[in-house]
Amino acid sequence: MSPMPRKSDAEHNLNGRLGKQHDRAADVSSVPAGRPRIPADVNALGLRRQFKSLCRLLQERRVLTNGDVELVRIFCIIQDRHIRNASLLKEEGELVTYFRLDSHGQSVPQVKVNLRLKVCSDAERQMAAILNQLGLTPVAKDRAKPTRDDVEKKELSPAEEYMQKIDQGRTNVLQIPKNLLPS
């Protein structure tokens, strides 16, 4: 058994069910679309390309707002940190020999996990969390609602258009220019 196909708002109006339907989730976010400005510190660090690339990806999915500036900024900084430390980790290896002093003051070699490995794994975890918040992961992509377009106009039924024209006619009749009013 499959569910009934979804009715349009016009069909609901024809059936006399005006207003918000109880079983319908909002398809579009109430937050207007926008493109955040590139922060000065991102520009100074040379991360402008990453910032614009992530904004472009969010804009294609119609989920970018002006309020996303901090998340995108933090993501760019963490991504840069990850790239730098990952390249050094690749050169040095995951296990590194560190030298420490024993109780007699002698230098003793000790093989340990590279400290950069923790920096890289923390950066990866933070980047994954931010991508999830922005709706750019496989799980979160369907939960992210598209932003509303300010230029998008609601389609009116013929009856609504007629009523709107009548209302406009009333306001025009009632608005008497000041120069015609008696003093």
C-alpha atoms as a PDB file:
ATOM      1  CA  MET A   1       0.000   0.000   0.000  1.00  0.00           C
ATOM      2  CA  SER A   2       1.496   3.322  -0.987  1.00  0.00           C
ATOM      3  CA  PRO A   3       0.596   6.730   0.417  1.00  0.00           C
ATOM      4  CA  MET A   4      -1.665   9.127  -1.428  1.00  0.00           C
ATOM      5  CA  PRO A   5       0.126  11.580  -3.694  1.00  0.00           C
ATOM      6  CA  ARG A   6       0.606  14.977  -2.142  1.00  0.00           C
ATOM      7  CA  LYS A   7      -1.997  17.624  -2.973  1.00  0.00           C
ATOM      8  CA  SER A   8      -0.949  21.096  -4.040  1.00  0.00           C
ATOM      9  CA  ASP A   9      -2.039  24.151  -2.060  1.00  0.00           C
ATOM     10  CA  ALA A  10      -4.485  25.047  -4.841  1.00  0.00           C
ATOM     11  CA  GLU A  11      -6.186  21.640  -4.498  1.00  0.00           C
ATOM     12  CA  HIS A  12      -6.479  22.125  -0.742  1.00  0.00           C
ATOM     13  CA  ASN A  13      -8.052  25.541  -1.300  1.00  0.00           C
ATOM     14  CA  LEU A  14     -10.561  24.060  -3.737  1.00  0.00           C
ATOM     15  CA  ASN A  15     -11.566  21.449  -1.153  1.00  0.00           C
ATOM     16  CA  GLY A  16     -12.064  24.131   1.496  1.00  0.00           C
ATOM     17  CA  ARG A  17      -9.025  23.231   3.608  1.00  0.00           C
ATOM     18  CA  LEU A  18      -7.354  26.610   3.946  1.00  0.00           C
ATOM     19  CA  GLY A  19      -4.322  27.261   6.098  1.00  0.00           C
ATOM     20  CA  LYS A  20      -1.372  25.113   7.012  1.00  0.00           C
ATOM     21  CA  GLN A  21      -1.937  21.383   6.702  1.00  0.00           C
ATOM     22  CA  HIS A  22      -1.217  19.372   9.830  1.00  0.00           C
ATOM     23  CA  ASP A  23       0.721  16.586   8.138  1.00  0.00           C
ATOM     24  CA  ARG A  24       3.027  18.649   5.965  1.00  0.00           C
ATOM     25  CA  ALA A  25       6.556  19.583   6.865  1.00  0.00           C
ATOM     26  CA  ALA A  26       7.912  22.835   5.510  1.00  0.00           C
ATOM     27  CA  ASP A  27       9.695  22.264   2.217  1.00  0.00           C
ATOM     28  CA  VAL A  28      11.618  25.505   2.361  1.00  0.00           C
ATOM     29  CA  SER A  29      13.450  27.134   5.226  1.00  0.00           C
ATOM     30  CA  SER A  30      12.143  30.435   6.527  1.00  0.00           C
ATOM     31  CA  VAL A  31      15.685  31.863   6.376  1.00  0.00           C
ATOM     32  CA  PRO A  32      16.393  33.906   3.242  1.00  0.00           C
ATOM     33  CA  ALA A  33      19.240  32.918   0.952  1.00  0.00           C
ATOM     34  CA  GLY A  34      22.411  34.953   1.065  1.00  0.00           C
ATOM     35  CA  ARG A  35      26.122  34.923   0.383  1.00  0.00           C
ATOM     36  CA  PRO A  36      28.369  35.874   3.315  1.00  0.00           C
ATOM     37  CA  ARG A  37      31.232  38.304   2.928  1.00  0.00           C
ATOM     38  CA  ILE A  38      34.742  36.906   3.100  1.00  0.00           C
ATOM     39  CA  PRO A  39      36.134  37.709   6.574  1.00  0.00           C
ATOM     40  CA  ALA A  40      39.370  39.681   6.769  1.00  0.00           C
ATOM     41  CA  ASP A  41      41.304  36.937   8.571  1.00  0.00           C
ATOM     42  CA  VAL A  42      40.392  34.380   5.884  1.00  0.00           C
ATOM     43  CA  ASN A  43      41.610  36.814   3.240  1.00  0.00           C
ATOM     44  CA  ALA A  44      44.832  37.504   5.180  1.00  0.00           C
ATOM     45  CA  LEU A  45      45.578  33.782   5.591  1.00  0.00           C
ATOM     46  CA  GLY A  46      45.187  33.185   1.856  1.00  0.00           C
ATOM     47  CA  LEU A  47      42.120  30.972   2.272  1.00  0.00           C
ATOM     48  CA  ARG A  48      39.903  32.969  -0.045  1.00  0.00           C
ATOM     49  CA  ARG A  49      39.737  30.175  -2.643  1.00  0.00           C
ATOM     50  CA  GLN A  50      38.580  27.578  -0.077  1.00  0.00           C
ATOM     51  CA  PHE A  51      35.975  29.986   1.330  1.00  0.00           C
ATOM     52  CA  LYS A  52      34.542  30.751  -2.098  1.00  0.00           C
ATOM     53  CA  SER A  53      34.607  27.090  -3.108  1.00  0.00           C
ATOM     54  CA  LEU A  54      32.609  25.997  -0.061  1.00  0.00           C
ATOM     55  CA  CYS A  55      30.169  28.900  -0.492  1.00  0.00           C
ATOM     56  CA  ARG A  56      29.676  27.952  -4.151  1.00  0.00           C
ATOM     57  CA  LEU A  57      28.920  24.347  -3.162  1.00  0.00           C
ATOM     58  CA  LEU A  58      26.412  25.479  -0.522  1.00  0.00           C
ATOM     59  CA  GLN A  59      24.840  27.889  -2.988  1.00  0.00           C
ATOM     60  CA  GLU A  60      24.361  25.109  -5.554  1.00  0.00           C
ATOM     61  CA  ARG A  61      22.453  23.140  -2.930  1.00  0.00           C
ATOM     62  CA  ARG A  62      20.465  26.278  -2.024  1.00  0.00           C
ATOM     63  CA  VAL A  63      21.384  26.128   1.673  1.00  0.00           C
ATOM     64  CA  LEU A  64      23.788  29.095   1.962  1.00  0.00           C
ATOM     65  CA  THR A  65      22.797  31.997   4.231  1.00  0.00           C
ATOM     66  CA  ASN A  66      24.623  35.041   5.578  1.00  0.00           C
ATOM     67  CA  GLY A  67      24.685  33.395   9.017  1.00  0.00           C
ATOM     68  CA  ASP A  68      26.934  30.581   7.783  1.00  0.00           C
ATOM     69  CA  VAL A  69      29.969  32.865   7.648  1.00  0.00           C
ATOM     70  CA  GLU A  70      31.498  31.665  10.932  1.00  0.00           C
ATOM     71  CA  LEU A  71      31.087  27.964  10.193  1.00  0.00           C
ATOM     72  CA  VAL A  72      32.597  28.384   6.739  1.00  0.00           C
ATOM     73  CA  ARG A  73      35.430  30.521   8.180  1.00  0.00           C
ATOM     74  CA  ILE A  74      36.257  27.958  10.875  1.00  0.00           C
ATOM     75  CA  PHE A  75      36.096  25.146   8.337  1.00  0.00           C
ATOM     76  CA  CYS A  76      38.609  26.922   6.066  1.00  0.00           C
ATOM     77  CA  ILE A  77      41.025  27.525   8.946  1.00  0.00           C
ATOM     78  CA  ILE A  78      40.778  23.917  10.171  1.00  0.00           C
ATOM     79  CA  GLN A  79      41.132  22.577   6.633  1.00  0.00           C
ATOM     80  CA  ASP A  80      44.311  24.629   6.165  1.00  0.00           C
ATOM     81  CA  ARG A  81      45.674  23.299   9.480  1.00  0.00           C
ATOM     82  CA  HIS A  82      44.874  19.752   8.402  1.00  0.00           C
ATOM     83  CA  ILE A  83      46.555  20.131   5.009  1.00  0.00           C
ATOM     84  CA  ARG A  84      49.743  21.561   6.525  1.00  0.00           C
ATOM     85  CA  ASN A  85      50.026  18.940   9.280  1.00  0.00           C
ATOM     86  CA  ALA A  86      49.059  16.037   7.011  1.00  0.00           C
ATOM     87  CA  SER A  87      51.894  16.844   4.607  1.00  0.00           C
ATOM     88  CA  LEU A  88      54.389  17.043   7.495  1.00  0.00           C
ATOM     89  CA  LEU A  89      52.979  13.822   8.967  1.00  0.00           C
ATOM     90  CA  LYS A  90      53.493  12.095   5.634  1.00  0.00           C
ATOM     91  CA  GLU A  91      57.155  13.204   5.575  1.00  0.00           C
ATOM     92  CA  GLU A  92      57.902  12.341   9.220  1.00  0.00           C
ATOM     93  CA  GLY A  93      55.838   9.150   9.479  1.00  0.00           C
ATOM     94  CA  GLU A  94      53.299   8.074  12.086  1.00  0.00           C
ATOM     95  CA  LEU A  95      55.969   6.821  14.496  1.00  0.00           C
ATOM     96  CA  VAL A  96      58.775   9.197  15.389  1.00  0.00           C
ATOM     97  CA  THR A  97      61.845   8.920  17.569  1.00  0.00           C
ATOM     98  CA  TYR A  98      61.840  11.534  20.299  1.00  0.00           C
ATOM     99  CA  PHE A  99      64.741  12.104  22.665  1.00  0.00           C
ATOM    100  CA  ARG A 100      64.160  12.557  26.362  1.00  0.00           C
ATOM    101  CA  LEU A 101      66.460  12.903  29.331  1.00  0.00           C
ATOM    102  CA  ASP A 102      66.651  10.091  31.849  1.00  0.00           C
ATOM    103  CA  SER A 103      67.201  10.547  35.587  1.00  0.00           C
ATOM    104  CA  HIS A 104      70.988  10.866  35.023  1.00  0.00           C
ATOM    105  CA  GLY A 105      70.624  13.605  32.416  1.00  0.00           C
ATOM    106  CA  GLN A 106      71.472  11.336  29.500  1.00  0.00           C
ATOM    107  CA  SER A 107      69.578  11.665  26.191  1.00  0.00           C
ATOM    108  CA  VAL A 108      67.568   8.510  25.546  1.00  0.00           C
ATOM    109  CA  PRO A 109      65.772   7.791  22.239  1.00  0.00           C
ATOM    110  CA  GLN A 110      62.131   6.862  22.525  1.00  0.00           C
ATOM    111  CA  VAL A 111      59.791   5.801  19.676  1.00  0.00           C
ATOM    112  CA  LYS A 112      56.342   7.387  20.041  1.00  0.00           C
ATOM    113  CA  VAL A 113      53.289   8.244  17.970  1.00  0.00           C
ATOM    114  CA  ASN A 114      53.835  11.459  16.007  1.00  0.00           C
ATOM    115  CA  LEU A 115      52.148  14.417  17.724  1.00  0.00           C
ATOM    116  CA  ARG A 116      50.919  15.654  14.347  1.00  0.00           C
ATOM    117  CA  LEU A 117      48.689  12.565  14.083  1.00  0.00           C
ATOM    118  CA  LYS A 118      46.479  13.905  16.895  1.00  0.00           C
ATOM    119  CA  VAL A 119      46.322  17.348  15.272  1.00  0.00           C
ATOM    120  CA  CYS A 120      45.252  15.774  11.962  1.00  0.00           C
ATOM    121  CA  SER A 121      42.645  13.472  13.493  1.00  0.00           C
ATOM    122  CA  ASP A 122      41.160  16.314  15.581  1.00  0.00           C
ATOM    123  CA  ALA A 123      40.985  18.529  12.483  1.00  0.00           C
ATOM    124  CA  GLU A 124      39.287  15.733  10.511  1.00  0.00           C
ATOM    125  CA  ARG A 125      36.707  15.240  13.266  1.00  0.00           C
ATOM    126  CA  GLN A 126      35.978  18.982  13.439  1.00  0.00           C
ATOM    127  CA  MET A 127      35.712  19.259   9.646  1.00  0.00           C
ATOM    128  CA  ALA A 128      33.263  16.332   9.515  1.00  0.00           C
ATOM    129  CA  ALA A 129      31.116  17.955  12.242  1.00  0.00           C
ATOM    130  CA  ILE A 130      31.024  21.291  10.401  1.00  0.00           C
ATOM    131  CA  LEU A 131      30.167  19.606   7.095  1.00  0.00           C
ATOM    132  CA  ASN A 132      27.346  17.790   8.870  1.00  0.00           C
ATOM    133  CA  GLN A 133      26.031  21.082  10.297  1.00  0.00           C
ATOM    134  CA  LEU A 134      26.137  22.677   6.855  1.00  0.00           C
ATOM    135  CA  GLY A 135      24.249  19.743   5.319  1.00  0.00           C
ATOM    136  CA  LEU A 136      27.129  18.497   3.165  1.00  0.00           C
ATOM    137  CA  THR A 137      27.248  14.872   4.346  1.00  0.00           C
ATOM    138  CA  PRO A 138      25.214  11.976   2.910  1.00  0.00           C
ATOM    139  CA  VAL A 139      23.082  11.792   6.068  1.00  0.00           C
ATOM    140  CA  ALA A 140      22.514  15.536   6.461  1.00  0.00           C
ATOM    141  CA  LYS A 141      21.880  16.457   2.818  1.00  0.00           C
ATOM    142  CA  ASP A 142      18.225  15.441   2.955  1.00  0.00           C
ATOM    143  CA  ARG A 143      17.632  17.205   6.265  1.00  0.00           C
ATOM    144  CA  ALA A 144      18.931  20.557   5.013  1.00  0.00           C
ATOM    145  CA  LYS A 145      16.019  22.632   3.772  1.00  0.00           C
ATOM    146  CA  PRO A 146      16.579  24.936   0.825  1.00  0.00           C
ATOM    147  CA  THR A 147      16.546  28.630   1.661  1.00  0.00           C
ATOM    148  CA  ARG A 148      13.652  30.762   0.564  1.00  0.00           C
ATOM    149  CA  ASP A 149      14.079  33.058  -2.397  1.00  0.00           C
ATOM    150  CA  ASP A 150      12.997  36.636  -1.840  1.00  0.00           C
ATOM    151  CA  VAL A 151      12.060  37.055  -5.500  1.00  0.00           C
ATOM    152  CA  GLU A 152       9.896  33.942  -5.489  1.00  0.00           C
ATOM    153  CA  LYS A 153       6.221  34.883  -5.614  1.00  0.00           C
ATOM    154  CA  LYS A 154       3.392  32.715  -4.442  1.00  0.00           C
ATOM    155  CA  GLU A 155       1.207  31.414  -7.250  1.00  0.00           C
ATOM    156  CA  LEU A 156      -2.335  32.699  -6.840  1.00  0.00           C
ATOM    157  CA  SER A 157      -5.441  30.833  -7.838  1.00  0.00           C
ATOM    158  CA  PRO A 158      -7.836  32.671 -10.179  1.00  0.00           C
ATOM    159  CA  ALA A 159     -10.169  33.354  -7.251  1.00  0.00           C
ATOM    160  CA  GLU A 160      -7.316  34.837  -5.181  1.00  0.00           C
ATOM    161  CA  GLU A 161      -6.225  37.017  -8.109  1.00  0.00           C
ATOM    162  CA  TYR A 162      -9.794  38.319  -8.492  1.00  0.00           C
ATOM    163  CA  MET A 163     -10.049  39.104  -4.763  1.00  0.00           C
ATOM    164  CA  GLN A 164      -6.680  40.844  -4.857  1.00  0.00           C
ATOM    165  CA  LYS A 165      -7.805  43.036  -7.780  1.00  0.00           C
ATOM    166  CA  ILE A 166     -10.978  43.942  -5.908  1.00  0.00           C
ATOM    167  CA  ASP A 167      -8.946  44.893  -2.820  1.00  0.00           C
ATOM    168  CA  GLN A 168      -6.611  47.040  -4.938  1.00  0.00           C
ATOM    169  CA  GLY A 169      -9.623  48.765  -6.502  1.00  0.00           C
ATOM    170  CA  ARG A 170     -11.018  49.599  -3.059  1.00  0.00           C
ATOM    171  CA  THR A 171      -7.797  51.161  -1.871  1.00  0.00           C
ATOM    172  CA  ASN A 172      -7.524  53.239  -5.029  1.00  0.00           C
ATOM    173  CA  VAL A 173     -11.082  54.559  -4.598  1.00  0.00           C
ATOM    174  CA  LEU A 174     -10.590  55.369  -0.934  1.00  0.00           C
ATOM    175  CA  GLN A 175      -7.321  57.202  -1.428  1.00  0.00           C
ATOM    176  CA  ILE A 176      -8.324  60.752  -2.296  1.00  0.00           C
ATOM    177  CA  PRO A 177      -5.518  63.119  -3.269  1.00  0.00           C
ATOM    178  CA  LYS A 178      -4.931  65.880  -0.700  1.00  0.00           C
ATOM    179  CA  ASN A 179      -5.446  68.655  -3.210  1.00  0.00           C
ATOM    180  CA  LEU A 180      -9.067  67.477  -3.771  1.00  0.00           C
ATOM    181  CA  LEU A 181      -9.986  67.361  -0.078  1.00  0.00           C
ATOM    182  CA  PRO A 182     -11.992  70.315   1.283  1.00  0.00           C
ATOM    183  CA  SER A 183      -9.967  72.540   3.577  1.00  0.00           C
END
